[in-house]
C-alpha atoms as a PDB file:
ATOM      1  CA  MET A   1     -14.734 -13.740  19.074  1.00  0.00           C
ATOM      2  CA  LYS A   2     -12.011 -14.149  16.280  1.00  0.00           C
ATOM      3  CA  THR A   3     -14.507 -13.171  13.448  1.00  0.00           C
ATOM      4  CA  LEU A   4     -15.351 -10.119  15.482  1.00  0.00           C
ATOM      5  CA  VAL A   5     -11.671  -9.168  15.744  1.00  0.00           C
ATOM      6  CA  TYR A   6     -11.127  -9.925  12.081  1.00  0.00           C
ATOM      7  CA  ALA A   7     -14.059  -7.718  11.147  1.00  0.00           C
ATOM      8  CA  PHE A   8     -12.685  -4.963  13.276  1.00  0.00           C
ATOM      9  CA  ILE A   9      -9.271  -5.141  11.366  1.00  0.00           C
ATOM     10  CA  SER A  10     -11.059  -5.122   8.124  1.00  0.00           C
ATOM     11  CA  ARG A  11     -12.299  -1.724   9.205  1.00  0.00           C
ATOM     12  CA  ILE A  12      -8.780  -0.296   9.282  1.00  0.00           C
ATOM     13  CA  ASP A  13      -8.463  -1.299   5.774  1.00  0.00           C
ATOM     14  CA  TYR A  14     -11.438   0.544   4.629  1.00  0.00           C
ATOM     15  CA  CYS A  15     -10.605   3.485   2.696  1.00  0.00           C
ATOM     16  CA  ASN A  16      -7.154   3.398   4.181  1.00  0.00           C
ATOM     17  CA  SER A  17      -5.505   5.184   1.261  1.00  0.00           C
ATOM     18  CA  VAL A  18      -6.763   8.105   3.290  1.00  0.00           C
ATOM     19  CA  PHE A  19      -3.879   7.368   5.948  1.00  0.00           C
ATOM     20  CA  THR A  20      -1.452   7.967   3.429  1.00  0.00           C
ATOM     21  CA  GLY A  21       1.103  10.352   4.830  1.00  0.00           C
ATOM     22  CA  ILE A  22      -0.649  10.925   8.227  1.00  0.00           C
ATOM     23  CA  SER A  23       1.414  11.534  11.258  1.00  0.00           C
ATOM     24  CA  GLY A  24       3.700   9.185  13.109  1.00  0.00           C
ATOM     25  CA  GLN A  25       1.632   9.675  16.240  1.00  0.00           C
ATOM     26  CA  LEU A  26      -1.626   8.756  14.475  1.00  0.00           C
ATOM     27  CA  LEU A  27      -0.123   5.861  12.757  1.00  0.00           C
ATOM     28  CA  GLN A  28       1.096   4.683  16.151  1.00  0.00           C
ATOM     29  CA  ARG A  29      -2.225   4.768  17.475  1.00  0.00           C
ATOM     30  CA  LEU A  30      -3.586   2.543  14.426  1.00  0.00           C
ATOM     31  CA  GLN A  31      -0.675   0.116  14.971  1.00  0.00           C
ATOM     32  CA  ALA A  32      -1.602  -0.244  18.634  1.00  0.00           C
ATOM     33  CA  ILE A  33      -5.100  -1.229  17.663  1.00  0.00           C
ATOM     34  CA  GLN A  34      -3.655  -3.831  15.420  1.00  0.00           C
ATOM     35  CA  ASN A  35      -1.340  -4.993  17.759  1.00  0.00           C
ATOM     36  CA  ALA A  36      -3.956  -5.576  20.549  1.00  0.00           C
ATOM     37  CA  ALA A  37      -6.165  -7.454  18.052  1.00  0.00           C
ATOM     38  CA  ALA A  38      -3.337  -9.752  17.272  1.00  0.00           C
ATOM     39  CA  HIS A  39      -2.728 -10.519  20.925  1.00  0.00           C
ATOM     40  CA  LEU A  40      -6.209 -11.096  21.546  1.00  0.00           C
ATOM     41  CA  ILE A  41      -6.557 -13.343  18.539  1.00  0.00           C
ATOM     42  CA  THR A  42      -3.563 -15.747  19.455  1.00  0.00           C
ATOM     43  CA  GLY A  43      -4.092 -15.487  22.948  1.00  0.00           C
ATOM     44  CA  ALA A  44      -0.324 -14.175  23.539  1.00  0.00           C
ATOM     45  CA  ARG A  45       0.612 -12.218  26.528  1.00  0.00           C
ATOM     46  CA  ARG A  46       0.811  -8.477  26.189  1.00  0.00           C
ATOM     47  CA  SER A  47       4.449  -8.302  26.985  1.00  0.00           C
ATOM     48  CA  GLN A  48       5.246 -10.582  24.023  1.00  0.00           C
ATOM     49  CA  HIS A  49       6.722  -8.868  20.894  1.00  0.00           C
ATOM     50  CA  VAL A  50       4.172  -8.324  18.360  1.00  0.00           C
ATOM     51  CA  THR A  51       6.270  -8.811  15.200  1.00  0.00           C
ATOM     52  CA  PRO A  52       6.285 -12.681  15.141  1.00  0.00           C
ATOM     53  CA  ILE A  53       2.564 -12.526  15.974  1.00  0.00           C
ATOM     54  CA  LEU A  54       1.692 -10.396  13.184  1.00  0.00           C
ATOM     55  CA  ARG A  55       3.921 -12.608  10.842  1.00  0.00           C
ATOM     56  CA  GLN A  56       2.190 -15.627  11.918  1.00  0.00           C
ATOM     57  CA  LEU A  57      -1.263 -14.151  11.187  1.00  0.00           C
ATOM     58  CA  HIS A  58       0.040 -12.827   7.891  1.00  0.00           C
ATOM     59  CA  TRP A  59      -0.781  -9.252   8.848  1.00  0.00           C
ATOM     60  CA  LEU A  60       1.205  -6.310   7.543  1.00  0.00           C
ATOM     61  CA  PRO A  61       1.937  -3.678   9.900  1.00  0.00           C
ATOM     62  CA  VAL A  62      -0.482  -0.644   9.452  1.00  0.00           C
ATOM     63  CA  GLN A  63       2.087   1.533   7.300  1.00  0.00           C
ATOM     64  CA  GLN A  64       2.739  -1.307   5.025  1.00  0.00           C
ATOM     65  CA  ARG A  65      -1.015  -2.170   4.766  1.00  0.00           C
ATOM     66  CA  VAL A  66      -1.792   1.275   3.530  1.00  0.00           C
ATOM     67  CA  LEU A  67       1.003   1.044   0.841  1.00  0.00           C
ATOM     68  CA  PHE A  68       0.130  -2.485  -0.147  1.00  0.00           C
ATOM     69  CA  MET A  69      -3.908  -1.432  -0.583  1.00  0.00           C
ATOM     70  CA  THR A  70      -2.683   1.815  -2.443  1.00  0.00           C
ATOM     71  CA  ALA A  71      -0.343  -0.310  -4.868  1.00  0.00           C
ATOM     72  CA  VAL A  72      -3.203  -2.779  -5.435  1.00  0.00           C
ATOM     73  CA  LEU A  73      -5.470   0.073  -6.413  1.00  0.00           C
ATOM     74  CA  VAL A  74      -2.737   1.479  -8.872  1.00  0.00           C
ATOM     75  CA  TYR A  75      -2.536  -1.893 -10.218  1.00  0.00           C
ATOM     76  CA  LYS A  76      -6.213  -2.174 -10.609  1.00  0.00           C
ATOM     77  CA  ARG A  77      -6.109   1.108 -12.341  1.00  0.00           C
ATOM     78  CA  GLN A  78      -3.303   0.267 -14.713  1.00  0.00           C
ATOM     79  CA  HIS A  79      -5.288  -2.786 -15.713  1.00  0.00           C
ATOM     80  CA  ARG A  80      -8.911  -1.219 -16.119  1.00  0.00           C
ATOM     81  CA  MET A  81     -10.343  -2.972 -13.073  1.00  0.00           C
ATOM     82  CA  ALA A  82     -10.634   0.179 -10.892  1.00  0.00           C
ATOM     83  CA  PRO A  83     -13.566   2.674 -11.134  1.00  0.00           C
ATOM     84  CA  SER A  84     -13.650   4.776 -14.040  1.00  0.00           C
ATOM     85  CA  TYR A  85     -13.220   8.055 -11.973  1.00  0.00           C
ATOM     86  CA  LEU A  86      -9.532   6.993 -11.068  1.00  0.00           C
ATOM     87  CA  LEU A  87      -8.709   6.527 -14.940  1.00  0.00           C
ATOM     88  CA  THR A  88      -7.708  10.509 -14.493  1.00  0.00           C
ATOM     89  CA  TYR A  89      -5.201   9.663 -12.005  1.00  0.00           C
ATOM     90  CA  CYS A  90      -1.876   7.754 -12.428  1.00  0.00           C
ATOM     91  CA  ILE A  91      -1.102   8.577 -16.037  1.00  0.00           C
ATOM     92  CA  GLN A  92       1.655   6.525 -17.613  1.00  0.00           C
ATOM     93  CA  THR A  93       4.766   8.500 -18.685  1.00  0.00           C
ATOM     94  CA  SER A  94       4.568   7.178 -22.225  1.00  0.00           C
ATOM     95  CA  SER A  95       1.190   8.555 -22.608  1.00  0.00           C
ATOM     96  CA  HIS A  96       2.549  12.137 -22.584  1.00  0.00           C
ATOM     97  CA  ASP A  97       3.070  13.650 -25.982  1.00  0.00           C
ATOM     98  CA  GLY A  98       6.560  14.144 -27.094  1.00  0.00           C
ATOM     99  CA  ARG A  99       8.013  12.138 -24.046  1.00  0.00           C
ATOM    100  CA  CYS A 100       8.100   8.595 -25.664  1.00  0.00           C
ATOM    101  CA  HIS A 101      11.813   8.655 -25.732  1.00  0.00           C
ATOM    102  CA  LEU A 102      12.187   8.528 -22.123  1.00  0.00           C
ATOM    103  CA  ARG A 103      13.219   5.213 -20.375  1.00  0.00           C
ATOM    104  CA  SER A 104      10.550   5.541 -17.692  1.00  0.00           C
ATOM    105  CA  ALA A 105       8.103   5.337 -20.713  1.00  0.00           C
ATOM    106  CA  VAL A 106       8.928   1.738 -21.411  1.00  0.00           C
ATOM    107  CA  SER A 107       9.549   0.815 -17.825  1.00  0.00           C
ATOM    108  CA  GLY A 108       5.803   1.348 -16.867  1.00  0.00           C
ATOM    109  CA  GLN A 109       6.471   4.204 -14.595  1.00  0.00           C
ATOM    110  CA  LEU A 110       3.744   6.807 -13.939  1.00  0.00           C
ATOM    111  CA  SER A 111       3.751  10.604 -14.105  1.00  0.00           C
ATOM    112  CA  VAL A 112       4.011  12.383 -10.891  1.00  0.00           C
ATOM    113  CA  PRO A 113       2.203  15.838 -10.787  1.00  0.00           C
ATOM    114  CA  ARG A 114       3.943  18.772  -9.341  1.00  0.00           C
ATOM    115  CA  THR A 115       2.933  20.071  -6.123  1.00  0.00           C
ATOM    116  CA  THR A 116       3.565  23.113  -3.799  1.00  0.00           C
ATOM    117  CA  THR A 117       2.514  21.811  -0.370  1.00  0.00           C
ATOM    118  CA  ASN A 118       3.093  18.728   1.632  1.00  0.00           C
ATOM    119  CA  TYR A 119      -0.448  18.449   2.154  1.00  0.00           C
ATOM    120  CA  SER A 120      -1.110  18.019  -1.647  1.00  0.00           C
ATOM    121  CA  ASP A 121       1.633  15.404  -1.641  1.00  0.00           C
ATOM    122  CA  ARG A 122      -0.654  13.100   0.452  1.00  0.00           C
ATOM    123  CA  SER A 123      -3.273  13.060  -2.428  1.00  0.00           C
ATOM    124  CA  PHE A 124      -3.982   9.968  -4.367  1.00  0.00           C
ATOM    125  CA  ALA A 125      -3.080  11.647  -7.427  1.00  0.00           C
ATOM    126  CA  VAL A 126       0.548  12.263  -6.279  1.00  0.00           C
ATOM    127  CA  SER A 127       1.246   9.560  -3.506  1.00  0.00           C
ATOM    128  CA  SER A 128       0.246   6.661  -5.739  1.00  0.00           C
ATOM    129  CA  PRO A 129       2.574   7.454  -8.748  1.00  0.00           C
ATOM    130  CA  VAL A 130       5.298   7.845  -6.323  1.00  0.00           C
ATOM    131  CA  LEU A 131       4.747   4.518  -4.534  1.00  0.00           C
ATOM    132  CA  TRP A 132       4.437   2.604  -7.823  1.00  0.00           C
ATOM    133  CA  ASN A 133       7.353   4.230  -9.517  1.00  0.00           C
ATOM    134  CA  ASN A 134       9.502   3.262  -6.234  1.00  0.00           C
ATOM    135  CA  LEU A 135       8.327  -0.379  -6.360  1.00  0.00           C
ATOM    136  CA  PRO A 136      10.919  -2.614  -8.192  1.00  0.00           C
ATOM    137  CA  ALA A 137      10.430  -2.883 -11.903  1.00  0.00           C
ATOM    138  CA  ALA A 138       9.252  -6.369 -11.571  1.00  0.00           C
ATOM    139  CA  PHE A 139       6.087  -5.236 -10.085  1.00  0.00           C
ATOM    140  CA  ARG A 140       5.382  -3.177 -13.234  1.00  0.00           C
ATOM    141  CA  LEU A 141       5.425  -6.221 -15.359  1.00  0.00           C
ATOM    142  CA  ASP A 142       2.212  -7.760 -16.902  1.00  0.00           C
ATOM    143  CA  MET A 143       0.711 -10.488 -14.154  1.00  0.00           C
ATOM    144  CA  SER A 144      -2.376 -11.388 -12.731  1.00  0.00           C
ATOM    145  CA  LEU A 145      -3.836  -9.584  -9.871  1.00  0.00           C
ATOM    146  CA  SER A 146      -3.527 -12.666  -7.586  1.00  0.00           C
ATOM    147  CA  ILE A 147       0.216 -12.987  -8.242  1.00  0.00           C
ATOM    148  CA  PHE A 148       0.800  -9.352  -8.078  1.00  0.00           C
ATOM    149  CA  ARG A 149      -0.897  -9.291  -4.435  1.00  0.00           C
ATOM    150  CA  ARG A 150       1.126 -12.344  -3.416  1.00  0.00           C
ATOM    151  CA  ARG A 151       4.470 -10.829  -4.392  1.00  0.00           C
ATOM    152  CA  LEU A 152       3.640  -7.334  -3.070  1.00  0.00           C
ATOM    153  CA  LYS A 153       2.634  -8.682   0.146  1.00  0.00           C
ATOM    154  CA  THR A 154       5.893 -10.713   0.355  1.00  0.00           C
ATOM    155  CA  PHE A 155       7.861  -7.722  -0.499  1.00  0.00           C
ATOM    156  CA  PHE A 156       6.242  -5.668   2.051  1.00  0.00           C
ATOM    157  CA  MET A 157       6.559  -8.413   4.606  1.00  0.00           C
ATOM    158  CA  THR A 158      10.117  -8.701   4.150  1.00  0.00           C
ATOM    159  CA  GLU A 159      10.280  -4.895   4.141  1.00  0.00           C
ATOM    160  CA  ALA A 160       8.645  -4.724   7.542  1.00  0.00           C
ATOM    161  CA  THR A 161      10.702  -7.508   9.212  1.00  0.00           C
ATOM    162  CA  ASP A 162      14.125  -5.668   7.889  1.00  0.00           C
ATOM    163  CA  SER A 163      13.006  -2.455   9.479  1.00  0.00           C
ATOM    164  CA  VAL A 164      12.573  -3.878  12.772  1.00  0.00           C
END
């Protein structure tokens, strides 16, 4: 039964960068599914608060999961581990001609394309550089993928705990 629930939860992660910028109502529906799965796995009562259960399972809430997976994808793109079609997105500020004198050029920040609609702000080309630039500077340092994932998960886990 546990493996079935874990398999179901992994379906939430499948292409979850599509969930970037979805409405609060849709996000609450996905969170309710994750909460029900957490209660089912641990055998906790439905009335029991879910935050300690998610922490016990080492699961990020849905919104942080989406941000986590998007940031990992940007990391992979930055370190040439992502598919080649992603190389056209997430361009470093230092690679723009004539802009090497900017502080953002040496800090590892990414160029954010200008948009005219809220809908286009949800695209990977816009939302991922914004997310990457909003992470603490320590995350843009050179480190292995496993260390990056561990530190990023800890960062989002504490952020999720602080927001409750």
